[in-house]
Protein backbone atom coordinates (compact mmCIF):
# COMPACT_ATOMS: atom_id res chain seq x y z
CA UNK A 1 15.79 8.88 -15.90
CA UNK A 2 12.63 9.14 -13.78
CA UNK A 3 13.78 9.29 -10.04
CA UNK A 4 11.07 7.86 -7.54
CA UNK A 5 11.91 8.42 -3.72
CA UNK A 6 10.13 6.38 -1.15
CA UNK A 7 10.04 7.38 2.46
CA UNK A 8 8.95 4.65 4.81
CA UNK A 9 7.87 6.04 8.45
CA UNK A 10 6.74 2.94 10.48
CA UNK A 11 5.24 -0.02 8.85
CA UNK A 12 1.98 -0.75 7.00
CA UNK A 13 1.36 -4.14 5.02
CA UNK A 14 1.92 -2.37 1.70
CA UNK A 15 5.33 -1.01 3.03
CA UNK A 16 6.80 -4.27 2.32
CA UNK A 17 6.57 -3.97 -1.47
CA UNK A 18 5.68 -0.49 -2.31
CA UNK A 19 9.12 0.27 -3.97
CA UNK A 20 9.15 -2.75 -5.86
CA UNK A 21 5.86 -2.67 -7.72
CA UNK A 22 7.29 -0.47 -10.82
CA UNK A 23 10.04 -2.72 -11.54
CA UNK A 24 9.05 -6.28 -10.30
CA UNK A 25 12.12 -8.08 -12.03
CA UNK A 26 14.55 -5.08 -11.78
CA UNK A 27 14.66 -5.09 -15.52
CA UNK A 28 12.71 -1.53 -16.42
CA UNK A 29 15.21 0.93 -17.93
CA UNK A 30 14.46 4.80 -17.34
CA UNK A 31 13.61 4.51 -13.76
CA UNK A 32 15.68 4.70 -10.57
CA UNK A 33 14.52 4.39 -7.02
CA UNK A 34 15.76 5.09 -3.43
CA UNK A 35 14.21 4.09 -0.12
CA UNK A 36 14.66 6.07 3.05
CA UNK A 37 13.26 3.81 5.97
CA UNK A 38 12.76 4.59 9.53
CA UNK A 39 12.00 1.11 10.48
CA UNK A 40 9.09 0.79 12.93
CA UNK A 41 9.57 4.27 14.28
CA UNK A 42 7.54 7.27 13.17
CA UNK A 43 7.92 10.12 15.79
CA UNK A 44 8.70 13.77 14.62
CA UNK A 45 12.26 13.38 15.53
CA UNK A 46 12.56 10.28 13.38
CA UNK A 47 10.58 11.93 10.53
CA UNK A 48 13.13 14.78 10.62
CA UNK A 49 15.70 12.50 9.31
CA UNK A 50 14.10 11.82 6.06
CA UNK A 51 15.13 15.39 4.74
CA UNK A 52 18.61 13.48 3.95
CA UNK A 53 17.02 11.96 0.82
CA UNK A 54 16.66 15.29 -0.80
CA UNK A 55 20.34 15.00 -1.63
CA UNK A 56 19.27 12.59 -4.30
CA UNK A 57 16.83 15.00 -5.72
CA UNK A 58 13.90 12.64 -6.68
CA UNK A 59 11.34 13.64 -9.18
CA UNK A 60 8.54 12.88 -6.79
CA UNK A 61 8.31 11.15 -3.50
CA UNK A 62 5.97 8.46 -2.39
CA UNK A 63 5.66 8.62 1.53
CA UNK A 64 3.93 5.82 3.30
CA UNK A 65 3.15 5.41 6.95
CA UNK A 66 0.37 4.26 9.15
CA UNK A 67 -1.96 7.29 10.17
CA UNK A 68 -0.88 10.05 8.03
CA UNK A 69 -2.48 12.41 10.47
CA UNK A 70 -0.09 11.41 13.28
CA UNK A 71 2.56 13.99 14.40
CA UNK A 72 5.47 12.24 12.58
CA UNK A 73 4.26 11.99 9.21
CA UNK A 74 2.70 15.42 9.44
CA UNK A 75 5.85 16.68 10.34
CA UNK A 76 7.77 14.70 7.54
CA UNK A 77 5.16 16.17 4.92
CA UNK A 78 6.26 19.69 6.13
CA UNK A 79 9.75 18.94 5.11
CA UNK A 80 8.75 17.53 1.95
CA UNK A 81 6.19 20.22 0.83
CA UNK A 82 8.65 21.66 -1.90
CA UNK A 83 8.43 18.18 -3.65
CA UNK A 84 5.50 16.45 -5.47
CA UNK A 85 4.35 13.93 -2.70
CA UNK A 86 1.87 11.17 -2.81
CA UNK A 87 0.79 9.86 0.83
CA UNK A 88 0.06 6.40 1.13
CA UNK A 89 -1.71 5.52 4.34
CA UNK A 90 -4.43 3.83 6.21
CA UNK A 91 -5.84 7.06 7.16
CA UNK A 92 -6.96 10.06 7.20
CA UNK A 93 -10.54 8.62 5.82
CA UNK A 94 -12.61 11.64 6.44
CA UNK A 95 -13.49 13.94 3.41
CA UNK A 96 -12.50 16.86 5.06
CA UNK A 97 -8.85 15.79 6.22
CA UNK A 98 -8.40 14.34 2.76
CA UNK A 99 -9.52 17.51 1.22
CA UNK A 100 -6.79 19.17 3.32
CA UNK A 101 -4.06 17.02 1.91
CA UNK A 102 -5.18 17.92 -1.41
CA UNK A 103 -5.23 21.56 -0.85
CA UNK A 104 -1.83 21.28 0.55
CA UNK A 105 -0.68 20.24 -2.58
CA UNK A 106 -0.44 16.40 -1.84
CA UNK A 107 -1.50 13.34 -3.53
CA UNK A 108 -2.92 10.63 -1.68
CA UNK A 109 -4.06 6.81 -1.80
CA UNK A 110 -5.55 6.06 1.58
CA UNK A 111 -6.19 2.48 1.89
CA UNK A 112 -8.93 1.38 4.52
CA UNK A 113 -8.19 -2.24 3.81
CA UNK A 114 -4.40 -2.18 4.97
CA UNK A 115 -5.10 -3.76 8.58
CA UNK A 116 -3.91 -2.26 11.98
CA UNK A 117 -1.77 -4.83 13.53
CA UNK A 118 -2.14 -5.87 17.35
CA UNK A 119 0.65 -4.11 18.69
CA UNK A 120 0.81 -4.85 22.06
CA UNK A 121 3.25 -6.67 24.30
CA UNK A 122 0.77 -8.84 25.85
CA UNK A 123 0.29 -10.52 22.60
CA UNK A 124 2.89 -9.35 19.61
CA UNK A 125 6.29 -10.62 19.21
CA UNK A 126 8.45 -10.69 16.13
CA UNK A 127 7.30 -13.99 14.74
CA UNK A 128 3.34 -12.71 15.11
CA UNK A 129 4.46 -9.67 13.49
CA UNK A 130 5.77 -11.32 10.54
CA UNK A 131 2.99 -13.76 10.24
CA UNK A 132 0.40 -10.90 10.35
CA UNK A 133 2.05 -8.87 7.60
CA UNK A 134 2.60 -11.90 5.33
CA UNK A 135 -1.24 -12.66 5.76
CA UNK A 136 -1.95 -8.85 4.94
CA UNK A 137 0.25 -8.97 1.92
CA UNK A 138 -1.82 -11.96 0.77
CA UNK A 139 -4.97 -9.81 0.57
CA UNK A 140 -3.34 -6.81 -0.47
CA UNK A 141 -1.43 -8.46 -3.54
CA UNK A 142 -4.16 -10.79 -4.87
CA UNK A 143 -7.27 -8.27 -4.39
CA UNK A 144 -6.04 -5.55 -6.25
CA UNK A 145 -4.29 -3.17 -3.89
CA UNK A 146 -0.73 -3.80 -5.10
CA UNK A 147 -2.00 -3.26 -8.92
CA UNK A 148 -3.87 -0.10 -7.91
CA UNK A 149 -0.52 1.34 -6.41
CA UNK A 150 1.39 0.07 -9.55
CA UNK A 151 -1.03 1.77 -12.01
CA UNK A 152 -1.08 4.92 -10.22
CA UNK A 153 2.65 5.31 -9.73
CA UNK A 154 3.22 4.48 -13.28
CA UNK A 155 0.69 7.09 -14.36
CA UNK A 156 2.87 9.70 -12.45
CA UNK A 157 6.13 8.43 -13.61
CA UNK A 158 4.68 8.49 -17.52
CA UNK A 159 4.10 12.16 -16.81
CA UNK A 160 7.93 12.72 -15.79
CA UNK A 161 8.68 10.82 -18.98
CA UNK A 162 6.76 13.39 -20.91
CA UNK A 163 8.70 16.26 -19.28
CA UNK A 164 6.24 17.55 -16.57
CA UNK A 165 7.69 18.27 -13.19
CA UNK A 166 6.94 19.80 -9.85
CA UNK A 167 3.36 21.36 -9.49
CA UNK A 168 2.56 20.44 -13.09
CA UNK A 169 2.34 16.74 -12.20
CA UNK A 170 -1.14 15.20 -11.63
CA UNK A 171 -1.06 13.24 -8.43
CA UNK A 172 -3.64 10.85 -7.51
CA UNK A 173 -6.37 11.34 -4.85
CA UNK A 174 -7.82 7.86 -4.04
CA UNK A 175 -9.63 6.35 -1.04
CA UNK A 176 -9.13 2.98 -1.65
CA UNK A 177 -12.17 1.20 -0.24
CA UNK A 178 -12.83 -2.61 -0.71
CA UNK A 179 -15.21 -2.14 -3.91
CA UNK A 180 -12.50 0.28 -5.53
CA UNK A 181 -9.69 -2.27 -4.79
CA UNK A 182 -11.47 -5.29 -6.05
CA UNK A 183 -12.08 -3.53 -9.48
CA UNK A 184 -8.34 -3.34 -10.13
CA UNK A 185 -7.70 -7.16 -9.19
CA UNK A 186 -8.47 -8.22 -12.71
CA UNK A 187 -10.66 -11.41 -11.72
CA UNK A 188 -12.49 -13.36 -14.31
CA UNK A 189 -14.30 -15.75 -12.41
CA UNK A 190 -17.43 -13.87 -10.45
CA UNK A 191 -16.85 -16.25 -7.53
CA UNK A 192 -13.06 -15.46 -7.41
CA UNK A 193 -14.18 -11.84 -7.19
CA UNK A 194 -16.63 -12.42 -4.44
CA UNK A 195 -14.16 -14.14 -2.46
CA UNK A 196 -11.56 -11.46 -2.85
CA UNK A 197 -14.05 -8.70 -1.91
CA UNK A 198 -14.83 -10.51 1.16
CA UNK A 199 -11.26 -10.61 1.99
CA UNK A 200 -10.79 -6.91 1.49
CA UNK A 201 -14.11 -6.17 3.75
CA UNK A 202 -12.71 -8.63 6.35
CA UNK A 203 -9.26 -6.75 6.28
CA UNK A 204 -10.94 -3.54 6.66
CA UNK A 205 -12.56 -4.66 9.77
CA UNK A 206 -9.37 -5.96 11.54
CA UNK A 207 -8.67 -2.30 12.61
CA UNK A 208 -11.90 -2.01 14.38
CA UNK A 209 -11.08 -5.28 16.28
CA UNK A 210 -7.46 -4.32 16.97
CA UNK A 211 -8.11 -0.59 17.82
CA UNK A 212 -9.46 -1.35 21.73
CA UNK A 213 -6.56 -3.97 22.15
CA UNK A 214 -3.99 -1.21 21.17
CA UNK A 215 -5.40 1.83 22.77
CA UNK A 216 -8.18 1.25 25.23
CA UNK A 217 -8.39 -1.91 26.96
CA UNK A 218 -6.08 -2.66 29.92
CA UNK A 219 -6.53 -6.19 31.45
CA UNK A 220 -4.26 -8.67 29.82
CA UNK A 221 -6.92 -11.06 29.18
CA UNK A 222 -9.12 -8.50 27.02
CA UNK A 223 -5.82 -7.19 25.42
CA UNK A 224 -4.46 -10.61 24.57
CA UNK A 225 -7.93 -12.14 23.32
CA UNK A 226 -9.08 -8.99 21.29
CA UNK A 227 -5.62 -8.74 19.47
CA UNK A 228 -5.59 -12.41 18.85
CA UNK A 229 -9.15 -12.23 17.16
CA UNK A 230 -7.90 -9.35 15.04
CA UNK A 231 -5.33 -11.59 13.76
CA UNK A 232 -7.38 -14.76 13.34
CA UNK A 233 -9.59 -12.46 11.27
CA UNK A 234 -6.78 -11.33 9.00
CA UNK A 235 -5.59 -15.03 8.68
CA UNK A 236 -9.35 -15.94 7.39
CA UNK A 237 -9.13 -12.94 4.91
CA UNK A 238 -5.78 -14.17 3.63
CA UNK A 239 -7.21 -17.71 3.20
CA UNK A 240 -10.24 -16.22 1.10
CA UNK A 241 -7.66 -14.23 -0.97
CA UNK A 242 -5.69 -17.62 -1.60
CA UNK A 243 -8.80 -19.51 -2.65
CA UNK A 244 -9.78 -16.59 -5.02
CA UNK A 245 -6.64 -16.83 -6.84
CA UNK A 246 -6.75 -20.61 -7.00
CA UNK A 247 -10.00 -20.31 -8.73
CA UNK A 248 -8.50 -18.35 -11.36
CA UNK A 249 -5.75 -20.53 -11.66
CA UNK A 250 -7.85 -23.64 -12.15
CA UNK A 251 -9.65 -21.72 -15.05
CA UNK A 252 -6.12 -20.66 -16.66
CA UNK A 253 -7.39 -17.04 -16.35
CA UNK A 254 -4.86 -15.38 -13.80
CA UNK A 255 -4.53 -11.77 -14.94
CA UNK A 256 -0.92 -10.70 -14.94
CA UNK A 257 0.27 -7.03 -15.66
CA UNK A 258 4.09 -7.04 -15.99
CA UNK A 259 6.19 -4.17 -17.21
CA UNK A 260 8.27 -4.16 -20.36
CA UNK A 261 11.92 -3.00 -20.36
CA UNK A 262 10.51 0.29 -21.29
CA UNK A 263 8.09 0.40 -18.42
CA UNK A 264 4.87 -0.44 -20.66
CA UNK A 265 2.39 -2.19 -18.85
CA UNK A 266 1.86 -5.55 -20.54
CA UNK A 267 -0.85 -8.20 -20.07
CA UNK A 268 -1.69 -11.77 -20.27
CA UNK A 269 -4.23 -14.20 -18.75
CA UNK A 270 -3.19 -17.70 -20.13
CA UNK A 271 -0.10 -19.06 -18.54
CA UNK A 272 1.50 -19.93 -21.72
CA UNK A 273 0.68 -16.68 -23.43
CA UNK A 274 3.26 -13.91 -24.08
CA UNK A 275 2.56 -10.68 -22.47
CA UNK A 276 1.21 -8.03 -24.94
CA UNK A 277 0.94 -4.40 -24.94
CA UNK A 278 -2.78 -3.42 -24.86
């Protein structure tokens, strides 16, 4: 039994489903997951409580949070440096900072396409938060990010199945920019792929728009207008992702990659096909 621990500090778009992508219909054998979530908080004091998951003794840990360089996530990593740990975040994006993670023994998947929400009281309420995350998930799911996470986590799980453990595990080191993500999406139609890639580029730009609203601007008109602009950009990206998948559906060419009960990745494209091992 492979035991995978998920630590969620704060929230990214991908946080919604990251613990589900290896067992999407809850039928996979030989794998068990546990999640320790801290809700929206990701400060150092909250991060310290994640150590409670060690009582379960996972084979490896996936730690997802916004800005892995922030004090809270950094503090949490210090608590988990004796376990194989894969950092999933929207940053750091600089090569030196990513190399520091690797040198410290951590795997990482840095998703530049997981957008920054317009988190200001002048604009954001619970409904707006949920709507934004729904739009983000539409892009992350359709345009390759979910499949990238699925495949990379499956690869580490397979190593544990083979008897590897601890420092012997080969962890991913991936900067997931739009072009890298779209190649995992499995689009067959080039126009669908172009729409998906456009959606990923738009999602990457949302952070640039929302950053001033969250951390720089002070006047309510500036804050509200800028955050609303970022959210409209995210909404437009989600619509492109929907259009891309609709093209694939119209051609009966949606690429699907479900897990078998044994955890093998199966594949199909035609709706009425039975998934097959490749």
